[in-house]
Amino acid sequence: MTTDGPILAALVYATGEGAIMGHLAERALAAGLDVAGMIQHDERRPERRRCDMTLVDLGSGRRIALSQDRGKDARGCRLDHAALEEAAGLALAALEGESLPDLLILSKFGKREIEGHGFRQVVERAVELGVPLLVGVTADHVAGFRDFGGGLEQVFESEADAAGLIARIVAGRGTRDAA
């Protein structure tokens, strides 16, 4: 699927990317789009310094725990790299079926993706196939996202702007279905 707009888009967020990207996924699904991807959910645990991170596959509802349990006083990175790669493989599988999704949504394009890991292959494959993609990105990683995009990308500063991309995809789908 192609649209007149960008196929590689990011929404800059400060915090709560899972909630924001989840709202956008719900909006796209409610509009009748076939949506694939992964949404991050953070769960606070009162006895822990940091939240537990879980990815939820939009297609199957499968949950993948991303946080390593290193104890209540652990500091530093708790990301389970193997779990992230497992989630990326699941998202990639959504792009290998007989029919492609109308939109791929990923909660985050961050350090791992900039380094060539995590969901990087998923993003590359979506671009190759022409599947519109919407990812969350922090202000710290916008430059890395732009470097990756090489001019194909668009960066949205508000959820409303990102919702505009969804509306364009819905309109494009209606045109395609009518043909």
Foldseek 3Di string as FASTA:
>chain_A
DAFPAFLAEEEADADDLLVLLVVLVVVLVVLPFFEWEWGWDWADDVLAPGTWIWIATPPPRDIFTQFAPPDRPDDDDRGDQVSLQVRLVVRQVQCVDPDHTQEYEYSECDDQLLVPGRNVVVSVSCVVVNRRYYYYYYPVCPVSSCVVCVPSYDYHHDSVVVSVVSVRSSVVVVVVVVD
